[in-house]
Amino acid sequence: MRLFVGLGNPGTKYQGNRHNIGFMAVDEIARRHGFGPWRRRFQGETSEGHLGSGRVILLKPATYMNESGNAVGEATKFFKMGVGDITVFHDEIELPPAKLRVKIGGGIAGHNGLRSISAHVGNDYRRVRLGVGHPGVRDLVHQHVLSDFAKSEMPWVSALCEAVADNAAFIVTGQDASFANKVHLAMDAKGFTSKDDGG
């Protein structure tokens, strides 16, 4: 069994924020793979289903970003999961918009959701880093992630969430490089790959 955690803030006020792209990604996984209805538990919402042959619990913490670890800690205790069973989908300002990277462990780069999760379960979980771009000035970061995606950005946001959902089964089997490559190819095919690097 695996726990897929989407990070974001609860409520309609935040649902279009860059900070909520983690919620958007797990919502798309639930939609595209026919997961069960969302229900409230573990200080959040969960939906259960299968990706390939693996059972997956989707979790959207309802604790606000800074306390995300409360929900993750409760869920992992209940299901008796280890930190290696957890994958967190989150916004990443250090990546250009529409880019994706996967890594296990590492720093939290000032992300309060990751800081909270690491405090509760340890640091060696998988992170699916979804690029939302950097505003260019450090003082504007908070405003940037808590503002909505522009209408012009929604095509790549939707395409990225769809590509993540379509290929999420690779994460269940630990094929992180294959997952990242498939997402990259899907984005490239839709014309959303930036020219800054090869990945």
N, C-alpha and C. Protein backbone atom coordinates (compact mmCIF):
# COMPACT_ATOMS: atom_id res chain seq x y z
N MET A 1 0.84 -1.19 0.00
CA MET A 1 0.00 0.00 0.00
C MET A 1 0.88 1.25 0.00
N ARG A 2 0.42 2.27 -0.70
CA ARG A 2 1.16 3.52 -0.77
C ARG A 2 0.26 4.68 -0.35
N LEU A 3 0.87 5.72 0.20
CA LEU A 3 0.17 6.95 0.54
C LEU A 3 0.65 8.06 -0.38
N PHE A 4 -0.26 8.61 -1.17
CA PHE A 4 0.03 9.74 -2.04
C PHE A 4 -0.59 10.99 -1.40
N VAL A 5 0.26 11.94 -1.02
CA VAL A 5 -0.20 13.14 -0.33
C VAL A 5 -0.11 14.33 -1.28
N GLY A 6 -1.24 14.99 -1.50
CA GLY A 6 -1.23 16.23 -2.25
C GLY A 6 -1.24 17.39 -1.27
N LEU A 7 -0.35 18.36 -1.48
CA LEU A 7 -0.30 19.50 -0.56
C LEU A 7 -1.06 20.70 -1.11
N GLY A 8 -1.70 21.40 -0.18
CA GLY A 8 -2.45 22.60 -0.54
C GLY A 8 -3.11 23.15 0.70
N ASN A 9 -3.91 24.17 0.52
CA ASN A 9 -4.70 24.75 1.61
C ASN A 9 -6.18 24.47 1.32
N PRO A 10 -6.97 24.15 2.36
CA PRO A 10 -8.37 23.81 2.15
C PRO A 10 -9.23 25.04 1.88
N GLY A 11 -10.35 24.83 1.20
CA GLY A 11 -11.32 25.91 0.99
C GLY A 11 -11.25 26.51 -0.40
N THR A 12 -12.37 27.05 -0.84
CA THR A 12 -12.47 27.59 -2.20
C THR A 12 -11.56 28.80 -2.42
N LYS A 13 -11.25 29.52 -1.34
CA LYS A 13 -10.40 30.71 -1.45
C LYS A 13 -9.03 30.36 -2.04
N TYR A 14 -8.55 29.13 -1.75
CA TYR A 14 -7.19 28.76 -2.13
C TYR A 14 -7.12 27.80 -3.32
N GLN A 15 -8.27 27.32 -3.79
CA GLN A 15 -8.22 26.16 -4.68
C GLN A 15 -7.49 26.41 -6.00
N GLY A 16 -7.43 27.66 -6.46
CA GLY A 16 -6.72 27.95 -7.69
C GLY A 16 -5.29 28.41 -7.49
N ASN A 17 -4.81 28.42 -6.24
CA ASN A 17 -3.46 28.91 -5.93
C ASN A 17 -2.37 27.99 -6.47
N ARG A 18 -1.21 28.59 -6.76
CA ARG A 18 -0.04 27.78 -7.15
C ARG A 18 0.33 26.79 -6.04
N HIS A 19 0.16 27.22 -4.79
CA HIS A 19 0.47 26.38 -3.63
C HIS A 19 -0.38 25.10 -3.61
N ASN A 20 -1.49 25.11 -4.36
CA ASN A 20 -2.44 23.99 -4.32
C ASN A 20 -2.29 23.02 -5.48
N ILE A 21 -1.22 23.09 -6.22
CA ILE A 21 -1.06 22.19 -7.36
C ILE A 21 -0.94 20.74 -6.90
N GLY A 22 -0.50 20.52 -5.66
CA GLY A 22 -0.48 19.16 -5.13
C GLY A 22 -1.87 18.57 -5.00
N PHE A 23 -2.82 19.39 -4.50
CA PHE A 23 -4.23 18.97 -4.45
C PHE A 23 -4.73 18.64 -5.85
N MET A 24 -4.40 19.52 -6.81
CA MET A 24 -4.87 19.33 -8.18
C MET A 24 -4.38 18.01 -8.76
N ALA A 25 -3.12 17.67 -8.47
CA ALA A 25 -2.54 16.44 -9.00
C ALA A 25 -3.23 15.20 -8.45
N VAL A 26 -3.46 15.14 -7.14
CA VAL A 26 -4.11 13.94 -6.59
C VAL A 26 -5.59 13.89 -6.96
N ASP A 27 -6.23 15.05 -7.12
CA ASP A 27 -7.61 15.06 -7.62
C ASP A 27 -7.67 14.40 -9.00
N GLU A 28 -6.69 14.71 -9.83
CA GLU A 28 -6.67 14.16 -11.19
C GLU A 28 -6.40 12.65 -11.16
N ILE A 29 -5.53 12.21 -10.25
CA ILE A 29 -5.29 10.77 -10.10
C ILE A 29 -6.60 10.06 -9.74
N ALA A 30 -7.32 10.63 -8.77
CA ALA A 30 -8.60 10.04 -8.36
C ALA A 30 -9.58 9.97 -9.52
N ARG A 31 -9.65 11.05 -10.30
CA ARG A 31 -10.59 11.12 -11.42
C ARG A 31 -10.26 10.10 -12.50
N ARG A 32 -8.99 10.08 -12.90
CA ARG A 32 -8.60 9.27 -14.06
C ARG A 32 -8.55 7.78 -13.76
N HIS A 33 -8.44 7.42 -12.49
CA HIS A 33 -8.30 6.00 -12.15
C HIS A 33 -9.49 5.46 -11.35
N GLY A 34 -10.59 6.22 -11.34
CA GLY A 34 -11.82 5.73 -10.73
C GLY A 34 -11.70 5.40 -9.25
N PHE A 35 -10.98 6.24 -8.52
CA PHE A 35 -10.85 6.03 -7.07
C PHE A 35 -12.21 6.25 -6.39
N GLY A 36 -12.31 5.77 -5.16
CA GLY A 36 -13.54 5.92 -4.40
C GLY A 36 -13.80 7.36 -4.00
N PRO A 37 -14.99 7.61 -3.45
CA PRO A 37 -15.34 8.98 -3.05
C PRO A 37 -14.41 9.50 -1.96
N TRP A 38 -14.20 10.80 -1.96
CA TRP A 38 -13.39 11.43 -0.90
C TRP A 38 -14.18 11.39 0.40
N ARG A 39 -13.49 11.07 1.48
CA ARG A 39 -14.14 11.13 2.79
C ARG A 39 -13.21 11.74 3.82
N ARG A 40 -13.80 12.36 4.82
CA ARG A 40 -13.01 13.10 5.81
C ARG A 40 -12.46 12.16 6.87
N ARG A 41 -11.15 12.15 7.04
CA ARG A 41 -10.48 11.45 8.13
C ARG A 41 -9.01 11.86 8.15
N PHE A 42 -8.33 11.53 9.24
CA PHE A 42 -6.91 11.88 9.42
C PHE A 42 -6.67 13.38 9.26
N GLN A 43 -7.58 14.20 9.75
CA GLN A 43 -7.45 15.66 9.61
C GLN A 43 -7.30 16.06 8.15
N GLY A 44 -8.01 15.36 7.30
CA GLY A 44 -7.96 15.67 5.87
C GLY A 44 -9.05 14.91 5.13
N GLU A 45 -8.82 14.70 3.84
CA GLU A 45 -9.72 13.92 3.01
C GLU A 45 -8.93 12.81 2.34
N THR A 46 -9.52 11.62 2.27
CA THR A 46 -8.86 10.50 1.61
C THR A 46 -9.75 9.90 0.54
N SER A 47 -9.11 9.29 -0.43
CA SER A 47 -9.78 8.52 -1.47
C SER A 47 -8.91 7.30 -1.74
N GLU A 48 -9.52 6.14 -1.89
CA GLU A 48 -8.77 4.91 -2.07
C GLU A 48 -9.02 4.29 -3.43
N GLY A 49 -7.98 3.65 -3.96
CA GLY A 49 -8.12 2.98 -5.24
C GLY A 49 -6.87 2.19 -5.56
N HIS A 50 -6.74 1.80 -6.83
CA HIS A 50 -5.59 1.01 -7.27
C HIS A 50 -4.91 1.67 -8.47
N LEU A 51 -3.60 1.61 -8.46
CA LEU A 51 -2.79 2.01 -9.61
C LEU A 51 -1.98 0.79 -9.99
N GLY A 52 -2.25 0.23 -11.17
CA GLY A 52 -1.65 -1.05 -11.51
C GLY A 52 -2.14 -2.09 -10.51
N SER A 53 -1.21 -2.83 -9.93
CA SER A 53 -1.59 -3.85 -8.94
C SER A 53 -1.48 -3.34 -7.51
N GLY A 54 -1.15 -2.05 -7.35
CA GLY A 54 -0.92 -1.51 -6.02
C GLY A 54 -2.10 -0.72 -5.47
N ARG A 55 -2.38 -0.89 -4.18
CA ARG A 55 -3.42 -0.11 -3.52
C ARG A 55 -2.83 1.22 -3.08
N VAL A 56 -3.56 2.28 -3.33
CA VAL A 56 -3.07 3.63 -3.03
C VAL A 56 -4.13 4.39 -2.26
N ILE A 57 -3.69 5.07 -1.19
CA ILE A 57 -4.53 6.01 -0.45
C ILE A 57 -4.12 7.41 -0.85
N LEU A 58 -5.03 8.19 -1.36
CA LEU A 58 -4.78 9.60 -1.64
C LEU A 58 -5.18 10.41 -0.41
N LEU A 59 -4.37 11.38 -0.05
CA LEU A 59 -4.65 12.21 1.13
C LEU A 59 -4.44 13.67 0.79
N LYS A 60 -5.46 14.47 1.12
CA LYS A 60 -5.34 15.93 1.04
C LYS A 60 -5.52 16.47 2.47
N PRO A 61 -4.43 16.87 3.13
CA PRO A 61 -4.55 17.42 4.49
C PRO A 61 -5.46 18.65 4.50
N ALA A 62 -6.31 18.74 5.53
CA ALA A 62 -7.21 19.88 5.67
C ALA A 62 -6.75 20.80 6.79
N THR A 63 -5.48 20.71 7.13
CA THR A 63 -4.93 21.40 8.29
C THR A 63 -4.25 22.72 7.94
N TYR A 64 -4.33 23.13 6.70
CA TYR A 64 -3.52 24.21 6.15
C TYR A 64 -2.07 23.72 6.01
N MET A 65 -1.39 24.33 5.08
CA MET A 65 -0.08 23.85 4.65
C MET A 65 0.89 23.62 5.81
N ASN A 66 0.95 24.57 6.73
CA ASN A 66 1.97 24.53 7.79
C ASN A 66 1.82 23.36 8.75
N GLU A 67 0.64 22.73 8.78
CA GLU A 67 0.38 21.60 9.68
C GLU A 67 0.11 20.31 8.91
N SER A 68 0.55 20.24 7.68
CA SER A 68 0.27 19.06 6.83
C SER A 68 0.74 17.77 7.48
N GLY A 69 1.82 17.83 8.25
CA GLY A 69 2.38 16.64 8.87
C GLY A 69 1.45 15.96 9.86
N ASN A 70 0.52 16.74 10.46
CA ASN A 70 -0.44 16.13 11.38
C ASN A 70 -1.26 15.06 10.67
N ALA A 71 -1.78 15.40 9.50
CA ALA A 71 -2.60 14.46 8.73
C ALA A 71 -1.77 13.28 8.24
N VAL A 72 -0.58 13.57 7.73
CA VAL A 72 0.28 12.51 7.20
C VAL A 72 0.69 11.55 8.32
N GLY A 73 1.02 12.10 9.49
CA GLY A 73 1.40 11.28 10.63
C GLY A 73 0.27 10.35 11.07
N GLU A 74 -0.95 10.88 11.12
CA GLU A 74 -2.10 10.06 11.52
C GLU A 74 -2.34 8.93 10.53
N ALA A 75 -2.29 9.25 9.24
CA ALA A 75 -2.56 8.24 8.21
C ALA A 75 -1.51 7.14 8.21
N THR A 76 -0.24 7.51 8.35
CA THR A 76 0.82 6.50 8.31
C THR A 76 0.75 5.59 9.54
N LYS A 77 0.39 6.15 10.68
CA LYS A 77 0.23 5.32 11.88
C LYS A 77 -0.92 4.33 11.70
N PHE A 78 -2.04 4.82 11.19
CA PHE A 78 -3.23 3.98 11.02
C PHE A 78 -2.95 2.81 10.07
N PHE A 79 -2.28 3.10 8.97
CA PHE A 79 -2.01 2.06 7.96
C PHE A 79 -0.69 1.34 8.19
N LYS A 80 0.01 1.71 9.27
CA LYS A 80 1.30 1.09 9.60
C LYS A 80 2.27 1.16 8.42
N MET A 81 2.39 2.35 7.86
CA MET A 81 3.28 2.57 6.72
C MET A 81 4.62 3.12 7.19
N GLY A 82 5.65 2.86 6.41
CA GLY A 82 6.95 3.46 6.63
C GLY A 82 7.11 4.70 5.79
N VAL A 83 8.14 5.48 6.08
CA VAL A 83 8.35 6.73 5.35
C VAL A 83 8.58 6.46 3.86
N GLY A 84 9.10 5.28 3.53
CA GLY A 84 9.32 4.94 2.12
C GLY A 84 8.06 4.69 1.33
N ASP A 85 6.92 4.57 2.01
CA ASP A 85 5.64 4.34 1.34
C ASP A 85 4.93 5.64 0.97
N ILE A 86 5.54 6.77 1.36
CA ILE A 86 4.88 8.07 1.20
C ILE A 86 5.44 8.80 -0.02
N THR A 87 4.53 9.32 -0.84
CA THR A 87 4.90 10.23 -1.93
C THR A 87 4.13 11.52 -1.75
N VAL A 88 4.84 12.65 -1.76
CA VAL A 88 4.23 13.96 -1.56
C VAL A 88 4.30 14.75 -2.87
N PHE A 89 3.16 15.25 -3.32
CA PHE A 89 3.08 16.08 -4.53
C PHE A 89 2.97 17.54 -4.07
N HIS A 90 3.91 18.37 -4.52
CA HIS A 90 3.92 19.75 -4.01
C HIS A 90 4.44 20.73 -5.04
N ASP A 91 4.09 22.01 -4.83
CA ASP A 91 4.58 23.09 -5.68
C ASP A 91 6.07 23.32 -5.41
N GLU A 92 6.79 23.67 -6.46
CA GLU A 92 8.24 23.88 -6.35
C GLU A 92 8.62 25.15 -7.10
N ILE A 93 9.00 26.20 -6.35
CA ILE A 93 9.33 27.48 -6.99
C ILE A 93 10.69 27.45 -7.66
N GLU A 94 11.54 26.48 -7.30
CA GLU A 94 12.88 26.42 -7.90
C GLU A 94 12.88 25.74 -9.27
N LEU A 95 11.71 25.26 -9.70
CA LEU A 95 11.59 24.67 -11.03
C LEU A 95 10.75 25.59 -11.91
N PRO A 96 11.09 25.68 -13.20
CA PRO A 96 10.27 26.48 -14.11
C PRO A 96 8.85 25.92 -14.19
N PRO A 97 7.89 26.76 -14.54
CA PRO A 97 6.52 26.28 -14.71
C PRO A 97 6.46 25.09 -15.67
N ALA A 98 5.63 24.10 -15.32
CA ALA A 98 5.38 22.90 -16.14
C ALA A 98 6.48 21.85 -16.04
N LYS A 99 7.54 22.13 -15.28
CA LYS A 99 8.59 21.13 -15.09
C LYS A 99 8.26 20.22 -13.91
N LEU A 100 8.84 19.04 -13.91
CA LEU A 100 8.64 18.09 -12.82
C LEU A 100 9.95 17.40 -12.50
N ARG A 101 10.20 17.19 -11.21
CA ARG A 101 11.33 16.39 -10.76
C ARG A 101 10.86 15.47 -9.64
N VAL A 102 11.51 14.33 -9.53
CA VAL A 102 11.21 13.40 -8.44
C VAL A 102 12.49 13.18 -7.65
N LYS A 103 12.38 13.22 -6.33
CA LYS A 103 13.55 12.89 -5.51
C LYS A 103 13.07 12.29 -4.19
N ILE A 104 13.96 11.55 -3.56
CA ILE A 104 13.68 10.99 -2.25
C ILE A 104 14.56 11.69 -1.23
N GLY A 105 13.94 12.20 -0.16
CA GLY A 105 14.69 12.92 0.86
C GLY A 105 15.18 14.27 0.35
N GLY A 106 16.22 14.78 1.00
CA GLY A 106 16.78 16.07 0.60
C GLY A 106 16.23 17.20 1.43
N GLY A 107 16.56 18.41 1.04
CA GLY A 107 16.16 19.59 1.78
C GLY A 107 14.70 19.94 1.55
N ILE A 108 14.21 20.89 2.34
CA ILE A 108 12.81 21.29 2.20
C ILE A 108 12.67 22.65 1.53
N ALA A 109 13.80 23.34 1.32
CA ALA A 109 13.83 24.59 0.54
C ALA A 109 12.76 25.59 0.99
N GLY A 110 12.56 25.68 2.30
CA GLY A 110 11.63 26.67 2.81
C GLY A 110 10.16 26.34 2.64
N HIS A 111 9.85 25.12 2.19
CA HIS A 111 8.45 24.74 1.97
C HIS A 111 7.85 24.27 3.30
N ASN A 112 6.88 25.02 3.81
CA ASN A 112 6.34 24.73 5.14
C ASN A 112 5.59 23.40 5.22
N GLY A 113 4.98 22.99 4.12
CA GLY A 113 4.31 21.69 4.11
C GLY A 113 5.30 20.56 4.28
N LEU A 114 6.41 20.62 3.55
CA LEU A 114 7.44 19.59 3.68
C LEU A 114 8.08 19.63 5.06
N ARG A 115 8.30 20.82 5.59
CA ARG A 115 8.88 20.95 6.93
C ARG A 115 8.01 20.23 7.96
N SER A 116 6.71 20.43 7.87
CA SER A 116 5.78 19.81 8.81
C SER A 116 5.77 18.29 8.67
N ILE A 117 5.76 17.81 7.43
CA ILE A 117 5.75 16.35 7.21
C ILE A 117 7.04 15.73 7.73
N SER A 118 8.17 16.34 7.43
CA SER A 118 9.46 15.80 7.89
C SER A 118 9.52 15.75 9.42
N ALA A 119 8.92 16.73 10.08
CA ALA A 119 8.91 16.76 11.55
C ALA A 119 8.10 15.61 12.13
N HIS A 120 7.11 15.13 11.38
CA HIS A 120 6.24 14.06 11.88
C HIS A 120 6.70 12.67 11.49
N VAL A 121 7.22 12.49 10.28
CA VAL A 121 7.49 11.12 9.80
C VAL A 121 8.94 10.90 9.38
N GLY A 122 9.78 11.92 9.46
CA GLY A 122 11.13 11.79 8.95
C GLY A 122 11.23 12.39 7.55
N ASN A 123 12.42 12.37 6.98
CA ASN A 123 12.68 13.13 5.76
C ASN A 123 12.74 12.30 4.48
N ASP A 124 12.81 10.97 4.61
CA ASP A 124 13.14 10.14 3.44
C ASP A 124 11.92 9.66 2.67
N TYR A 125 10.97 10.55 2.46
CA TYR A 125 9.82 10.22 1.60
C TYR A 125 10.09 10.76 0.20
N ARG A 126 9.30 10.26 -0.74
CA ARG A 126 9.45 10.69 -2.13
C ARG A 126 8.71 12.01 -2.34
N ARG A 127 9.35 12.92 -3.06
CA ARG A 127 8.70 14.19 -3.40
C ARG A 127 8.55 14.28 -4.92
N VAL A 128 7.36 14.56 -5.37
CA VAL A 128 7.11 14.89 -6.77
C VAL A 128 6.98 16.41 -6.81
N ARG A 129 8.02 17.05 -7.32
CA ARG A 129 8.14 18.51 -7.30
C ARG A 129 7.55 19.07 -8.59
N LEU A 130 6.49 19.85 -8.45
CA LEU A 130 5.76 20.38 -9.59
C LEU A 130 6.11 21.86 -9.74
N GLY A 131 6.80 22.19 -10.81
CA GLY A 131 7.32 23.54 -10.99
C GLY A 131 6.24 24.59 -11.19
N VAL A 132 6.32 25.65 -10.40
CA VAL A 132 5.40 26.78 -10.55
C VAL A 132 6.15 28.08 -10.83
N GLY A 133 7.47 27.99 -10.96
CA GLY A 133 8.26 29.18 -11.26
C GLY A 133 8.52 30.05 -10.04
N HIS A 134 9.50 30.90 -10.17
CA HIS A 134 9.91 31.81 -9.08
C HIS A 134 9.58 33.24 -9.51
N PRO A 135 9.05 34.05 -8.59
CA PRO A 135 8.72 35.43 -8.97
C PRO A 135 9.94 36.30 -9.24
N GLY A 136 11.13 35.81 -8.90
CA GLY A 136 12.35 36.55 -9.18
C GLY A 136 12.89 37.32 -7.99
N VAL A 137 12.02 37.63 -7.05
CA VAL A 137 12.42 38.35 -5.84
C VAL A 137 11.94 37.56 -4.64
N ARG A 138 12.83 37.33 -3.69
CA ARG A 138 12.49 36.48 -2.55
C ARG A 138 11.29 37.01 -1.77
N ASP A 139 11.20 38.33 -1.64
CA ASP A 139 10.11 38.92 -0.86
C ASP A 139 8.74 38.68 -1.49
N LEU A 140 8.72 38.30 -2.76
CA LEU A 140 7.44 38.09 -3.45
C LEU A 140 7.01 36.62 -3.48
N VAL A 141 7.83 35.73 -2.93
CA VAL A 141 7.54 34.29 -3.00
C VAL A 141 6.20 33.95 -2.35
N HIS A 142 5.97 34.46 -1.14
CA HIS A 142 4.74 34.16 -0.40
C HIS A 142 3.52 34.57 -1.21
N GLN A 143 3.56 35.78 -1.75
CA GLN A 143 2.45 36.29 -2.57
C GLN A 143 2.28 35.45 -3.84
N HIS A 144 3.41 35.03 -4.41
CA HIS A 144 3.40 34.24 -5.66
C HIS A 144 2.68 32.91 -5.47
N VAL A 145 3.05 32.16 -4.42
CA VAL A 145 2.47 30.82 -4.26
C VAL A 145 1.03 30.88 -3.77
N LEU A 146 0.65 31.98 -3.10
CA LEU A 146 -0.72 32.11 -2.61
C LEU A 146 -1.61 32.90 -3.56
N SER A 147 -1.15 33.10 -4.78
CA SER A 147 -2.01 33.71 -5.80
C SER A 147 -2.39 32.64 -6.81
N ASP A 148 -3.50 32.88 -7.49
CA ASP A 148 -4.02 31.89 -8.43
C ASP A 148 -3.15 31.81 -9.68
N PHE A 149 -3.15 30.63 -10.29
CA PHE A 149 -2.57 30.51 -11.63
C PHE A 149 -3.33 31.46 -12.56
N ALA A 150 -2.59 32.12 -13.44
CA ALA A 150 -3.24 32.96 -14.44
C ALA A 150 -4.01 32.08 -15.42
N LYS A 151 -5.02 32.66 -16.04
CA LYS A 151 -5.82 31.90 -17.01
C LYS A 151 -4.94 31.32 -18.11
N SER A 152 -3.91 32.08 -18.49
CA SER A 152 -3.00 31.62 -19.55
C SER A 152 -2.15 30.43 -19.13
N GLU A 153 -2.02 30.21 -17.80
CA GLU A 153 -1.23 29.09 -17.31
C GLU A 153 -2.03 27.79 -17.21
N MET A 154 -3.34 27.88 -17.20
CA MET A 154 -4.15 26.70 -16.93
C MET A 154 -3.95 25.55 -17.93
N PRO A 155 -3.67 25.83 -19.22
CA PRO A 155 -3.44 24.69 -20.11
C PRO A 155 -2.26 23.82 -19.67
N TRP A 156 -1.14 24.42 -19.25
CA TRP A 156 -0.02 23.57 -18.83
C TRP A 156 -0.28 22.94 -17.46
N VAL A 157 -1.00 23.65 -16.58
CA VAL A 157 -1.34 23.07 -15.28
C VAL A 157 -2.17 21.81 -15.47
N SER A 158 -3.19 21.91 -16.32
CA SER A 158 -4.05 20.75 -16.59
C SER A 158 -3.26 19.63 -17.24
N ALA A 159 -2.41 19.98 -18.21
CA ALA A 159 -1.62 18.96 -18.91
C ALA A 159 -0.66 18.25 -17.95
N LEU A 160 -0.05 19.01 -17.04
CA LEU A 160 0.89 18.41 -16.09
C LEU A 160 0.17 17.47 -15.13
N CYS A 161 -0.97 17.90 -14.60
CA CYS A 161 -1.73 17.04 -13.68
C CYS A 161 -2.21 15.77 -14.39
N GLU A 162 -2.62 15.91 -15.65
CA GLU A 162 -3.06 14.74 -16.41
C GLU A 162 -1.90 13.78 -16.66
N ALA A 163 -0.74 14.31 -17.00
CA ALA A 163 0.43 13.46 -17.27
C ALA A 163 0.88 12.75 -15.99
N VAL A 164 0.84 13.46 -14.87
CA VAL A 164 1.17 12.85 -13.57
C VAL A 164 0.20 11.70 -13.28
N ALA A 165 -1.10 11.96 -13.47
CA ALA A 165 -2.10 10.95 -13.18
C ALA A 165 -1.96 9.74 -14.10
N ASP A 166 -1.75 9.99 -15.38
CA ASP A 166 -1.66 8.89 -16.35
C ASP A 166 -0.49 7.96 -16.04
N ASN A 167 0.56 8.48 -15.45
CA ASN A 167 1.78 7.69 -15.25
C ASN A 167 2.08 7.38 -13.79
N ALA A 168 1.11 7.63 -12.91
CA ALA A 168 1.35 7.50 -11.47
C ALA A 168 1.66 6.06 -11.05
N ALA A 169 1.23 5.08 -11.83
CA ALA A 169 1.51 3.68 -11.46
C ALA A 169 3.00 3.40 -11.40
N PHE A 170 3.81 4.15 -12.15
CA PHE A 170 5.27 3.96 -12.10
C PHE A 170 5.82 4.27 -10.71
N ILE A 171 5.18 5.22 -10.01
CA ILE A 171 5.64 5.56 -8.67
C ILE A 171 5.40 4.39 -7.72
N VAL A 172 4.26 3.74 -7.88
CA VAL A 172 3.90 2.62 -6.99
C VAL A 172 4.96 1.53 -7.04
N THR A 173 5.53 1.30 -8.23
CA THR A 173 6.52 0.24 -8.40
C THR A 173 7.95 0.76 -8.26
N GLY A 174 8.09 2.03 -7.82
CA GLY A 174 9.42 2.57 -7.58
C GLY A 174 10.20 2.95 -8.82
N GLN A 175 9.51 3.07 -9.95
CA GLN A 175 10.19 3.43 -11.20
C GLN A 175 10.14 4.95 -11.40
N ASP A 176 10.83 5.64 -10.52
CA ASP A 176 10.76 7.10 -10.51
C ASP A 176 11.28 7.73 -11.81
N ALA A 177 12.38 7.20 -12.33
CA ALA A 177 12.95 7.76 -13.56
C ALA A 177 12.00 7.57 -14.73
N SER A 178 11.37 6.40 -14.80
CA SER A 178 10.40 6.15 -15.87
C SER A 178 9.20 7.09 -15.75
N PHE A 179 8.73 7.28 -14.52
CA PHE A 179 7.61 8.20 -14.28
C PHE A 179 7.96 9.60 -14.78
N ALA A 180 9.11 10.12 -14.34
CA ALA A 180 9.51 11.48 -14.71
C ALA A 180 9.68 11.61 -16.22
N ASN A 181 10.26 10.58 -16.84
CA ASN A 181 10.49 10.61 -18.28
C ASN A 181 9.17 10.60 -19.06
N LYS A 182 8.23 9.76 -18.62
CA LYS A 182 6.93 9.69 -19.29
C LYS A 182 6.18 11.02 -19.18
N VAL A 183 6.25 11.65 -18.01
CA VAL A 183 5.60 12.94 -17.85
C VAL A 183 6.25 13.98 -18.75
N HIS A 184 7.58 13.96 -18.78
CA HIS A 184 8.30 14.90 -19.64
C HIS A 184 7.90 14.73 -21.11
N LEU A 185 7.84 13.49 -21.56
CA LEU A 185 7.48 13.22 -22.96
C LEU A 185 6.05 13.66 -23.26
N ALA A 186 5.15 13.45 -22.29
CA ALA A 186 3.76 13.87 -22.48
C ALA A 186 3.66 15.39 -22.59
N MET A 187 4.41 16.09 -21.73
CA MET A 187 4.40 17.55 -21.78
C MET A 187 5.04 18.06 -23.07
N ASP A 188 6.11 17.40 -23.48
CA ASP A 188 6.79 17.76 -24.72
C ASP A 188 5.85 17.61 -25.91
N ALA A 189 5.09 16.52 -25.91
CA ALA A 189 4.17 16.25 -27.01
C ALA A 189 3.08 17.32 -27.09
N LYS A 190 2.76 17.93 -25.96
CA LYS A 190 1.73 18.97 -25.95
C LYS A 190 2.33 20.37 -26.10
N GLY A 191 3.66 20.43 -26.27
CA GLY A 191 4.30 21.70 -26.54
C GLY A 191 4.60 22.54 -25.31
N PHE A 192 4.66 21.91 -24.14
CA PHE A 192 4.87 22.67 -22.91
C PHE A 192 6.29 22.56 -22.34
N THR A 193 7.20 21.94 -23.07
CA THR A 193 8.56 21.79 -22.54
C THR A 193 9.35 23.06 -22.79
N SER A 194 9.93 23.61 -21.71
CA SER A 194 10.76 24.80 -21.89
C SER A 194 12.13 24.37 -22.42
N LYS A 195 12.86 25.31 -22.97
CA LYS A 195 14.12 25.00 -23.64
C LYS A 195 15.33 25.09 -22.70
N ASP A 196 15.06 25.30 -21.40
CA ASP A 196 16.17 25.61 -20.50
C ASP A 196 17.07 24.40 -20.22
N ASP A 197 16.50 23.21 -20.25
CA ASP A 197 17.32 22.03 -20.01
C ASP A 197 16.68 20.82 -20.67
N GLY A 198 17.31 19.69 -20.53
CA GLY A 198 16.83 18.49 -21.21
C GLY A 198 15.84 17.71 -20.42
N GLY A 199 15.57 18.10 -19.16
CA GLY A 199 14.74 17.25 -18.36
C GLY A 199 13.52 17.89 -17.84
